Each structure stands twice: as structure tokens, then as C-alpha cells.
Amino acid sequence: MTNLEALQSMTEYNNDNLLAKALLDQGVSAGGTYTAANEENIDLAAARVYFALAAHPKLKEGSSYTEYDAKQLRGMAKAILRKYDDHDANISGTAKW
């Protein structure tokens, strides 16, 4: 399984450009082989995808329409950040550390 496929399995989202960007932003090659050593980076890439989807929860492509629960996506992303003790900005946008 590739890193991209591992990320797709977590998000069930199928936009290779967004997923590949999230992986690259996390320092992981989309085409690389997934290993347990990549778990944290794949999870953090998933958090990036969840935040991106929460920013535009209604997607229409041709006759296909998808709507995401933005609040739930943000909650899932924040849970991943907490899991790895990653610091996210507070509501004012300033760093909390």
C-alpha cells in the first residue's frame, strides 16, 4: 500500500491532488510504501485534509453532490493533533504556547 492509499483509507476522500499535497506538506512521498513508521505523518496529513474539507463542506462535481459535517471534521482533526501533542492555534489565531 502506498502512503496515498493509506491516507485515502482514513479519509474516504478521492481528490489525489489534495491528498498528495497534504502528504508532501507533511514531508511524506505520496508514492512511497506505507510503513508503521509513517503512521504519525499519515495521521497528521489526514488532519490537514479534515481541516481543508471543513473549510468547504459542500462539494458539487457534475451531478454528484457531497456534503461534510464541518464541525465533526474539525473535531476529528483536533483529536489527531492532541494525539500527537501537536499545537494548533486558538480561536484568536495566536499560538497558545
PDB file of N, CA and C in Angstrom:
ATOM      1  N   MET A   1       0.845  -1.172   0.000  1.00  0.00           N
ATOM      2  CA  MET A   1       0.000   0.000   0.000  1.00  0.00           C
ATOM      3  C   MET A   1       0.890   1.234   0.000  1.00  0.00           C
ATOM      4  N   THR A   2       0.514   2.240  -0.789  1.00  0.00           N
ATOM      5  CA  THR A   2       1.283   3.486  -0.814  1.00  0.00           C
ATOM      6  C   THR A   2       0.808   4.406   0.308  1.00  0.00           C
ATOM      7  N   ASN A   3       1.578   5.448   0.564  1.00  0.00           N
ATOM      8  CA  ASN A   3       1.171   6.453   1.554  1.00  0.00           C
ATOM      9  C   ASN A   3      -0.130   7.115   1.133  1.00  0.00           C
ATOM     10  N   LEU A   4      -0.291   7.367  -0.167  1.00  0.00           N
ATOM     11  CA  LEU A   4      -1.529   7.981  -0.669  1.00  0.00           C
ATOM     12  C   LEU A   4      -2.716   7.061  -0.400  1.00  0.00           C
ATOM     13  N   GLU A   5      -2.565   5.777  -0.648  1.00  0.00           N
ATOM     14  CA  GLU A   5      -3.647   4.827  -0.392  1.00  0.00           C
ATOM     15  C   GLU A   5      -3.964   4.740   1.102  1.00  0.00           C
ATOM     16  N   ALA A   6      -2.944   4.823   1.943  1.00  0.00           N
ATOM     17  CA  ALA A   6      -3.165   4.809   3.393  1.00  0.00           C
ATOM     18  C   ALA A   6      -3.980   6.029   3.817  1.00  0.00           C
ATOM     19  N   LEU A   7      -3.648   7.180   3.263  1.00  0.00           N
ATOM     20  CA  LEU A   7      -4.390   8.395   3.588  1.00  0.00           C
ATOM     21  C   LEU A   7      -5.813   8.308   3.061  1.00  0.00           C
ATOM     22  N   GLN A   8      -5.991   7.799   1.851  1.00  0.00           N
ATOM     23  CA  GLN A   8      -7.336   7.634   1.293  1.00  0.00           C
ATOM     24  C   GLN A   8      -8.184   6.724   2.169  1.00  0.00           C
ATOM     25  N   SER A   9      -7.583   5.685   2.736  1.00  0.00           N
ATOM     26  CA  SER A   9      -8.339   4.758   3.574  1.00  0.00           C
ATOM     27  C   SER A   9      -8.845   5.421   4.850  1.00  0.00           C
ATOM     28  N   MET A  10      -8.145   6.464   5.301  1.00  0.00           N
ATOM     29  CA  MET A  10      -8.558   7.170   6.514  1.00  0.00           C
ATOM     30  C   MET A  10      -9.615   8.226   6.233  1.00  0.00           C
ATOM     31  N   THR A  11      -9.564   8.822   5.057  1.00  0.00           N
ATOM     32  CA  THR A  11     -10.441   9.948   4.768  1.00  0.00           C
ATOM     33  C   THR A  11     -11.626   9.580   3.894  1.00  0.00           C
ATOM     34  N   GLU A  12     -11.505   8.499   3.129  1.00  0.00           N
ATOM     35  CA  GLU A  12     -12.513   8.102   2.156  1.00  0.00           C
ATOM     36  C   GLU A  12     -12.812   9.245   1.186  1.00  0.00           C
ATOM     37  N   TYR A  13     -11.846  10.106   0.998  1.00  0.00           N
ATOM     38  CA  TYR A  13     -11.955  11.242   0.093  1.00  0.00           C
ATOM     39  C   TYR A  13     -11.083  10.936  -1.108  1.00  0.00           C
ATOM     40  N   ASN A  14     -11.528  11.308  -2.297  1.00  0.00           N
ATOM     41  CA  ASN A  14     -10.837  10.883  -3.504  1.00  0.00           C
ATOM     42  C   ASN A  14     -10.401  12.063  -4.368  1.00  0.00           C
ATOM     43  N   ASN A  15      -9.605  12.950  -3.823  1.00  0.00           N
ATOM     44  CA  ASN A  15      -9.019  14.034  -4.596  1.00  0.00           C
ATOM     45  C   ASN A  15      -7.510  13.881  -4.452  1.00  0.00           C
ATOM     46  N   ASP A  16      -6.912  13.210  -5.432  1.00  0.00           N
ATOM     47  CA  ASP A  16      -5.483  12.897  -5.330  1.00  0.00           C
ATOM     48  C   ASP A  16      -4.617  14.135  -5.148  1.00  0.00           C
ATOM     49  N   ASN A  17      -5.000  15.266  -5.733  1.00  0.00           N
ATOM     50  CA  ASN A  17      -4.192  16.479  -5.590  1.00  0.00           C
ATOM     51  C   ASN A  17      -4.178  16.964  -4.145  1.00  0.00           C
ATOM     52  N   LEU A  18      -5.339  17.042  -3.507  1.00  0.00           N
ATOM     53  CA  LEU A  18      -5.404  17.493  -2.113  1.00  0.00           C
ATOM     54  C   LEU A  18      -4.673  16.510  -1.201  1.00  0.00           C
ATOM     55  N   LEU A  19      -4.898  15.230  -1.414  1.00  0.00           N
ATOM     56  CA  LEU A  19      -4.264  14.226  -0.563  1.00  0.00           C
ATOM     57  C   LEU A  19      -2.745  14.221  -0.747  1.00  0.00           C
ATOM     58  N   ALA A  20      -2.291  14.306  -1.994  1.00  0.00           N
ATOM     59  CA  ALA A  20      -0.843  14.331  -2.260  1.00  0.00           C
ATOM     60  C   ALA A  20      -0.205  15.580  -1.652  1.00  0.00           C
ATOM     61  N   LYS A  21      -0.900  16.721  -1.741  1.00  0.00           N
ATOM     62  CA  LYS A  21      -0.377  17.960  -1.149  1.00  0.00           C
ATOM     63  C   LYS A  21      -0.271  17.825   0.370  1.00  0.00           C
ATOM     64  N   ALA A  22      -1.287  17.255   0.992  1.00  0.00           N
ATOM     65  CA  ALA A  22      -1.252  17.078   2.447  1.00  0.00           C
ATOM     66  C   ALA A  22      -0.078  16.194   2.855  1.00  0.00           C
ATOM     67  N   LEU A  23       0.165  15.149   2.069  1.00  0.00           N
ATOM     68  CA  LEU A  23       1.298  14.269   2.365  1.00  0.00           C
ATOM     69  C   LEU A  23       2.626  14.991   2.176  1.00  0.00           C
ATOM     70  N   LEU A  24       2.766  15.709   1.060  1.00  0.00           N
ATOM     71  CA  LEU A  24       4.013  16.432   0.800  1.00  0.00           C
ATOM     72  C   LEU A  24       4.254  17.513   1.849  1.00  0.00           C
ATOM     73  N   ASP A  25       3.193  18.210   2.250  1.00  0.00           N
ATOM     74  CA  ASP A  25       3.322  19.225   3.304  1.00  0.00           C
ATOM     75  C   ASP A  25       3.789  18.597   4.616  1.00  0.00           C
ATOM     76  N   GLN A  26       3.479  17.323   4.790  1.00  0.00           N
ATOM     77  CA  GLN A  26       3.870  16.602   5.995  1.00  0.00           C
ATOM     78  C   GLN A  26       5.233  15.933   5.828  1.00  0.00           C
ATOM     79  N   GLY A  27       5.823  16.070   4.620  1.00  0.00           N
ATOM     80  CA  GLY A  27       7.148  15.521   4.370  1.00  0.00           C
ATOM     81  C   GLY A  27       7.148  14.063   3.958  1.00  0.00           C
ATOM     82  N   VAL A  28       6.029  13.584   3.420  1.00  0.00           N
ATOM     83  CA  VAL A  28       5.893  12.182   3.040  1.00  0.00           C
ATOM     84  C   VAL A  28       5.603  12.089   1.544  1.00  0.00           C
ATOM     85  N   SER A  29       6.264  11.177   0.876  1.00  0.00           N
ATOM     86  CA  SER A  29       6.031  10.949  -0.547  1.00  0.00           C
ATOM     87  C   SER A  29       4.724  10.192  -0.742  1.00  0.00           C
ATOM     88  N   ALA A  30       3.866  10.681  -1.625  1.00  0.00           N
ATOM     89  CA  ALA A  30       2.582  10.032  -1.884  1.00  0.00           C
ATOM     90  C   ALA A  30       2.777   8.627  -2.437  1.00  0.00           C
ATOM     91  N   GLY A  31       3.797   8.429  -3.261  1.00  0.00           N
ATOM     92  CA  GLY A  31       4.029   7.140  -3.889  1.00  0.00           C
ATOM     93  C   GLY A  31       4.859   6.178  -3.076  1.00  0.00           C
ATOM     94  N   GLY A  32       5.373   6.643  -1.940  1.00  0.00           N
ATOM     95  CA  GLY A  32       6.196   5.776  -1.098  1.00  0.00           C
ATOM     96  C   GLY A  32       5.378   4.673  -0.458  1.00  0.00           C
ATOM     97  N   THR A  33       6.042   3.624  -0.061  1.00  0.00           N
ATOM     98  CA  THR A  33       5.369   2.499   0.581  1.00  0.00           C
ATOM     99  C   THR A  33       5.034   2.857   2.025  1.00  0.00           C
ATOM    100  N   TYR A  34       3.777   2.605   2.393  1.00  0.00           N
ATOM    101  CA  TYR A  34       3.343   2.887   3.760  1.00  0.00           C
ATOM    102  C   TYR A  34       3.975   1.894   4.728  1.00  0.00           C
ATOM    103  N   THR A  35       4.493   2.416   5.824  1.00  0.00           N
ATOM    104  CA  THR A  35       5.003   1.583   6.913  1.00  0.00           C
ATOM    105  C   THR A  35       4.486   2.162   8.224  1.00  0.00           C
ATOM    106  N   ALA A  36       4.568   1.378   9.276  1.00  0.00           N
ATOM    107  CA  ALA A  36       4.121   1.843  10.590  1.00  0.00           C
ATOM    108  C   ALA A  36       4.907   3.075  11.036  1.00  0.00           C
ATOM    109  N   ALA A  37       6.124   3.221  10.552  1.00  0.00           N
ATOM    110  CA  ALA A  37       6.937   4.385  10.895  1.00  0.00           C
ATOM    111  C   ALA A  37       6.329   5.670  10.345  1.00  0.00           C
ATOM    112  N   ASN A  38       5.479   5.558   9.334  1.00  0.00           N
ATOM    113  CA  ASN A  38       4.829   6.727   8.725  1.00  0.00           C
ATOM    114  C   ASN A  38       3.495   7.078   9.381  1.00  0.00           C
ATOM    115  N   GLU A  39       3.054   6.292  10.334  1.00  0.00           N
ATOM    116  CA  GLU A  39       1.706   6.466  10.892  1.00  0.00           C
ATOM    117  C   GLU A  39       1.437   7.896  11.365  1.00  0.00           C
ATOM    118  N   GLU A  40       2.353   8.467  12.125  1.00  0.00           N
ATOM    119  CA  GLU A  40       2.131   9.817  12.647  1.00  0.00           C
ATOM    120  C   GLU A  40       1.976  10.818  11.502  1.00  0.00           C
ATOM    121  N   ASN A  41       2.854  10.758  10.518  1.00  0.00           N
ATOM    122  CA  ASN A  41       2.768  11.705   9.409  1.00  0.00           C
ATOM    123  C   ASN A  41       1.507  11.501   8.572  1.00  0.00           C
ATOM    124  N   ILE A  42       1.070  10.262   8.408  1.00  0.00           N
ATOM    125  CA  ILE A  42      -0.162   9.997   7.667  1.00  0.00           C
ATOM    126  C   ILE A  42      -1.351  10.542   8.461  1.00  0.00           C
ATOM    127  N   ASP A  43      -1.358  10.317   9.775  1.00  0.00           N
ATOM    128  CA  ASP A  43      -2.429  10.860  10.616  1.00  0.00           C
ATOM    129  C   ASP A  43      -2.466  12.385  10.547  1.00  0.00           C
ATOM    130  N   LEU A  44      -1.300  13.025  10.629  1.00  0.00           N
ATOM    131  CA  LEU A  44      -1.250  14.485  10.583  1.00  0.00           C
ATOM    132  C   LEU A  44      -1.660  15.007   9.195  1.00  0.00           C
ATOM    133  N   ALA A  45      -1.342  14.260   8.157  1.00  0.00           N
ATOM    134  CA  ALA A  45      -1.812  14.626   6.812  1.00  0.00           C
ATOM    135  C   ALA A  45      -3.334  14.517   6.753  1.00  0.00           C
ATOM    136  N   ALA A  46      -3.896  13.498   7.395  1.00  0.00           N
ATOM    137  CA  ALA A  46      -5.353  13.358   7.454  1.00  0.00           C
ATOM    138  C   ALA A  46      -5.977  14.561   8.157  1.00  0.00           C
ATOM    139  N   ALA A  47      -5.346  15.022   9.229  1.00  0.00           N
ATOM    140  CA  ALA A  47      -5.849  16.210   9.929  1.00  0.00           C
ATOM    141  C   ALA A  47      -5.865  17.408   8.985  1.00  0.00           C
ATOM    142  N   ARG A  48      -4.836  17.555   8.164  1.00  0.00           N
ATOM    143  CA  ARG A  48      -4.800  18.640   7.178  1.00  0.00           C
ATOM    144  C   ARG A  48      -5.979  18.522   6.211  1.00  0.00           C
ATOM    145  N   VAL A  49      -6.258  17.306   5.768  1.00  0.00           N
ATOM    146  CA  VAL A  49      -7.370  17.081   4.841  1.00  0.00           C
ATOM    147  C   VAL A  49      -8.691  17.406   5.528  1.00  0.00           C
ATOM    148  N   TYR A  50      -8.861  16.966   6.774  1.00  0.00           N
ATOM    149  CA  TYR A  50     -10.096  17.254   7.503  1.00  0.00           C
ATOM    150  C   TYR A  50     -10.318  18.755   7.643  1.00  0.00           C
ATOM    151  N   PHE A  51      -9.266  19.500   7.979  1.00  0.00           N
ATOM    152  CA  PHE A  51      -9.398  20.957   8.082  1.00  0.00           C
ATOM    153  C   PHE A  51      -9.761  21.568   6.725  1.00  0.00           C
ATOM    154  N   ALA A  52      -9.141  21.078   5.656  1.00  0.00           N
ATOM    155  CA  ALA A  52      -9.439  21.597   4.312  1.00  0.00           C
ATOM    156  C   ALA A  52     -10.886  21.318   3.931  1.00  0.00           C
ATOM    157  N   LEU A  53     -11.369  20.119   4.201  1.00  0.00           N
ATOM    158  CA  LEU A  53     -12.753  19.781   3.880  1.00  0.00           C
ATOM    159  C   LEU A  53     -13.739  20.572   4.740  1.00  0.00           C
ATOM    160  N   ALA A  54     -13.363  20.842   5.979  1.00  0.00           N
ATOM    161  CA  ALA A  54     -14.232  21.626   6.858  1.00  0.00           C
ATOM    162  C   ALA A  54     -14.373  23.059   6.357  1.00  0.00           C
ATOM    163  N   ALA A  55     -13.363  23.537   5.635  1.00  0.00           N
ATOM    164  CA  ALA A  55     -13.408  24.905   5.109  1.00  0.00           C
ATOM    165  C   ALA A  55     -14.364  25.036   3.927  1.00  0.00           C
ATOM    166  N   HIS A  56     -14.622  23.931   3.242  1.00  0.00           N
ATOM    167  CA  HIS A  56     -15.607  23.944   2.145  1.00  0.00           C
ATOM    168  C   HIS A  56     -16.371  22.621   2.168  1.00  0.00           C
ATOM    169  N   PRO A  57     -17.344  22.514   3.101  1.00  0.00           N
ATOM    170  CA  PRO A  57     -18.017  21.239   3.335  1.00  0.00           C
ATOM    171  C   PRO A  57     -19.004  20.802   2.248  1.00  0.00           C
ATOM    172  N   LYS A  58     -19.348  21.679   1.312  1.00  0.00           N
ATOM    173  CA  LYS A  58     -20.290  21.308   0.255  1.00  0.00           C
ATOM    174  C   LYS A  58     -19.554  21.269  -1.077  1.00  0.00           C
ATOM    175  N   LEU A  59     -19.507  20.086  -1.674  1.00  0.00           N
ATOM    176  CA  LEU A  59     -18.787  19.906  -2.931  1.00  0.00           C
ATOM    177  C   LEU A  59     -19.732  19.377  -3.995  1.00  0.00           C
ATOM    178  N   LYS A  60     -19.731  20.011  -5.160  1.00  0.00           N
ATOM    179  CA  LYS A  60     -20.548  19.549  -6.272  1.00  0.00           C
ATOM    180  C   LYS A  60     -19.651  19.352  -7.474  1.00  0.00           C
ATOM    181  N   GLU A  61     -19.726  18.160  -8.048  1.00  0.00           N
ATOM    182  CA  GLU A  61     -18.931  17.824  -9.212  1.00  0.00           C
ATOM    183  C   GLU A  61     -19.864  17.168 -10.216  1.00  0.00           C
ATOM    184  N   GLY A  62     -20.264  17.910 -11.243  1.00  0.00           N
ATOM    185  CA  GLY A  62     -21.237  17.390 -12.200  1.00  0.00           C
ATOM    186  C   GLY A  62     -22.554  17.146 -11.495  1.00  0.00           C
ATOM    187  N   SER A  63     -23.079  15.945 -11.611  1.00  0.00           N
ATOM    188  CA  SER A  63     -24.341  15.623 -10.946  1.00  0.00           C
ATOM    189  C   SER A  63     -24.118  15.061  -9.545  1.00  0.00           C
ATOM    190  N   SER A  64     -22.859  14.890  -9.158  1.00  0.00           N
ATOM    191  CA  SER A  64     -22.529  14.361  -7.841  1.00  0.00           C
ATOM    192  C   SER A  64     -22.441  15.489  -6.817  1.00  0.00           C
ATOM    193  N   TYR A  65     -23.001  15.258  -5.635  1.00  0.00           N
ATOM    194  CA  TYR A  65     -23.009  16.267  -4.574  1.00  0.00           C
ATOM    195  C   TYR A  65     -22.610  15.592  -3.265  1.00  0.00           C
ATOM    196  N   THR A  66     -21.661  16.191  -2.555  1.00  0.00           N
ATOM    197  CA  THR A  66     -21.210  15.672  -1.271  1.00  0.00           C
ATOM    198  C   THR A  66     -21.220  16.801  -0.256  1.00  0.00           C
ATOM    199  N   GLU A  67     -21.717  16.499   0.917  1.00  0.00           N
ATOM    200  CA  GLU A  67     -21.712  17.494   1.993  1.00  0.00           C
ATOM    201  C   GLU A  67     -21.089  16.852   3.228  1.00  0.00           C
ATOM    202  N   TYR A  68     -20.149  17.574   3.837  1.00  0.00           N
ATOM    203  CA  TYR A  68     -19.451  17.098   5.026  1.00  0.00           C
ATOM    204  C   TYR A  68     -19.904  17.892   6.233  1.00  0.00           C
ATOM    205  N   ASP A  69     -19.813  17.290   7.399  1.00  0.00           N
ATOM    206  CA  ASP A  69     -20.117  17.960   8.653  1.00  0.00           C
ATOM    207  C   ASP A  69     -18.841  18.674   9.112  1.00  0.00           C
ATOM    208  N   ALA A  70     -18.782  19.979   8.900  1.00  0.00           N
ATOM    209  CA  ALA A  70     -17.576  20.755   9.177  1.00  0.00           C
ATOM    210  C   ALA A  70     -17.171  20.656  10.652  1.00  0.00           C
ATOM    211  N   LYS A  71     -18.135  20.699  11.543  1.00  0.00           N
ATOM    212  CA  LYS A  71     -17.828  20.634  12.978  1.00  0.00           C
ATOM    213  C   LYS A  71     -17.192  19.285  13.332  1.00  0.00           C
ATOM    214  N   GLN A  72     -17.736  18.222  12.786  1.00  0.00           N
ATOM    215  CA  GLN A  72     -17.190  16.891  13.049  1.00  0.00           C
ATOM    216  C   GLN A  72     -15.782  16.754  12.466  1.00  0.00           C
ATOM    217  N   LEU A  73     -15.570  17.276  11.261  1.00  0.00           N
ATOM    218  CA  LEU A  73     -14.243  17.208  10.640  1.00  0.00           C
ATOM    219  C   LEU A  73     -13.204  17.956  11.471  1.00  0.00           C
ATOM    220  N   ARG A  74     -13.562  19.153  11.945  1.00  0.00           N
ATOM    221  CA  ARG A  74     -12.630  19.902  12.787  1.00  0.00           C
ATOM    222  C   ARG A  74     -12.334  19.148  14.077  1.00  0.00           C
ATOM    223  N   GLY A  75     -13.347  18.514  14.649  1.00  0.00           N
ATOM    224  CA  GLY A  75     -13.154  17.723  15.857  1.00  0.00           C
ATOM    225  C   GLY A  75     -12.225  16.542  15.622  1.00  0.00           C
ATOM    226  N   MET A  76     -12.381  15.875  14.485  1.00  0.00           N
ATOM    227  CA  MET A  76     -11.516  14.746  14.143  1.00  0.00           C
ATOM    228  C   MET A  76     -10.076  15.221  13.957  1.00  0.00           C
ATOM    229  N   ALA A  77      -9.904  16.351  13.288  1.00  0.00           N
ATOM    230  CA  ALA A  77      -8.556  16.886  13.070  1.00  0.00           C
ATOM    231  C   ALA A  77      -7.909  17.271  14.392  1.00  0.00           C
ATOM    232  N   LYS A  78      -8.658  17.915  15.268  1.00  0.00           N
ATOM    233  CA  LYS A  78      -8.107  18.322  16.558  1.00  0.00           C
ATOM    234  C   LYS A  78      -7.763  17.123  17.428  1.00  0.00           C
ATOM    235  N   ALA A  79      -8.539  16.043  17.315  1.00  0.00           N
ATOM    236  CA  ALA A  79      -8.232  14.826  18.069  1.00  0.00           C
ATOM    237  C   ALA A  79      -6.895  14.247  17.624  1.00  0.00           C
ATOM    238  N   ILE A  80      -6.620  14.296  16.333  1.00  0.00           N
ATOM    239  CA  ILE A  80      -5.330  13.818  15.825  1.00  0.00           C
ATOM    240  C   ILE A  80      -4.209  14.698  16.356  1.00  0.00           C
ATOM    241  N   LEU A  81      -4.412  16.012  16.335  1.00  0.00           N
ATOM    242  CA  LEU A  81      -3.382  16.922  16.842  1.00  0.00           C
ATOM    243  C   LEU A  81      -3.106  16.667  18.319  1.00  0.00           C
ATOM    244  N   ARG A  82      -4.165  16.428  19.094  1.00  0.00           N
ATOM    245  CA  ARG A  82      -3.985  16.127  20.522  1.00  0.00           C
ATOM    246  C   ARG A  82      -3.247  14.803  20.713  1.00  0.00           C
ATOM    247  N   LYS A  83      -3.558  13.825  19.872  1.00  0.00           N
ATOM    248  CA  LYS A  83      -2.917  12.502  19.963  1.00  0.00           C
ATOM    249  C   LYS A  83      -1.401  12.635  19.872  1.00  0.00           C
ATOM    250  N   TYR A  84      -0.944  13.530  19.022  1.00  0.00           N
ATOM    251  CA  TYR A  84       0.493  13.700  18.827  1.00  0.00           C
ATOM    252  C   TYR A  84       1.023  14.943  19.529  1.00  0.00           C
ATOM    253  N   ASP A  85       0.222  15.512  20.428  1.00  0.00           N
ATOM    254  CA  ASP A  85       0.603  16.689  21.193  1.00  0.00           C
ATOM    255  C   ASP A  85       1.065  17.819  20.279  1.00  0.00           C
ATOM    256  N   ASP A  86       0.411  17.925  19.121  1.00  0.00           N
ATOM    257  CA  ASP A  86       0.716  18.992  18.166  1.00  0.00           C
ATOM    258  C   ASP A  86      -0.044  20.239  18.614  1.00  0.00           C
ATOM    259  N   HIS A  87       0.580  21.358  18.533  1.00  0.00           N
ATOM    260  CA  HIS A  87      -0.049  22.598  18.988  1.00  0.00           C
ATOM    261  C   HIS A  87      -0.745  23.286  17.825  1.00  0.00           C
ATOM    262  N   ASP A  88      -2.057  23.484  17.984  1.00  0.00           N
ATOM    263  CA  ASP A  88      -2.786  24.242  16.977  1.00  0.00           C
ATOM    264  C   ASP A  88      -3.111  25.620  17.547  1.00  0.00           C
ATOM    265  N   ALA A  89      -3.433  26.553  16.663  1.00  0.00           N
ATOM    266  CA  ALA A  89      -3.749  27.911  17.108  1.00  0.00           C
ATOM    267  C   ALA A  89      -5.076  27.943  17.832  1.00  0.00           C
ATOM    268  N   ASN A  90      -5.233  28.884  18.751  1.00  0.00           N
ATOM    269  CA  ASN A  90      -6.511  29.022  19.427  1.00  0.00           C
ATOM    270  C   ASN A  90      -7.462  29.838  18.579  1.00  0.00           C
ATOM    271  N   ILE A  91      -8.621  30.126  19.078  1.00  0.00           N
ATOM    272  CA  ILE A  91      -9.675  30.771  18.303  1.00  0.00           C
ATOM    273  C   ILE A  91      -9.280  32.155  17.788  1.00  0.00           C
ATOM    274  N   SER A  92      -8.393  32.851  18.480  1.00  0.00           N
ATOM    275  CA  SER A  92      -7.983  34.179  18.039  1.00  0.00           C
ATOM    276  C   SER A  92      -6.933  34.102  16.930  1.00  0.00           C
ATOM    277  N   GLY A  93      -6.410  32.892  16.687  1.00  0.00           N
ATOM    278  CA  GLY A  93      -5.407  32.727  15.661  1.00  0.00           C
ATOM    279  C   GLY A  93      -3.983  32.869  16.172  1.00  0.00           C
ATOM    280  N   THR A  94      -3.830  33.173  17.455  1.00  0.00           N
ATOM    281  CA  THR A  94      -2.482  33.297  18.015  1.00  0.00           C
ATOM    282  C   THR A  94      -2.059  31.955  18.598  1.00  0.00           C
ATOM    283  N   ALA A  95      -0.798  31.687  18.592  1.00  0.00           N
ATOM    284  CA  ALA A  95      -0.286  30.432  19.126  1.00  0.00           C
ATOM    285  C   ALA A  95      -0.548  30.372  20.619  1.00  0.00           C
ATOM    286  N   LYS A  96      -0.881  29.199  21.134  1.00  0.00           N
ATOM    287  CA  LYS A  96      -1.181  29.071  22.557  1.00  0.00           C
ATOM    288  C   LYS A  96       0.002  28.617  23.377  1.00  0.00           C
ATOM    289  N   TRP A  97       1.189  28.506  22.784  1.00  0.00           N
ATOM    290  CA  TRP A  97       2.371  28.114  23.532  1.00  0.00           C
ATOM    291  C   TRP A  97       3.366  29.211  23.614  1.00  0.00           C
TER     292      TRP A  97
END
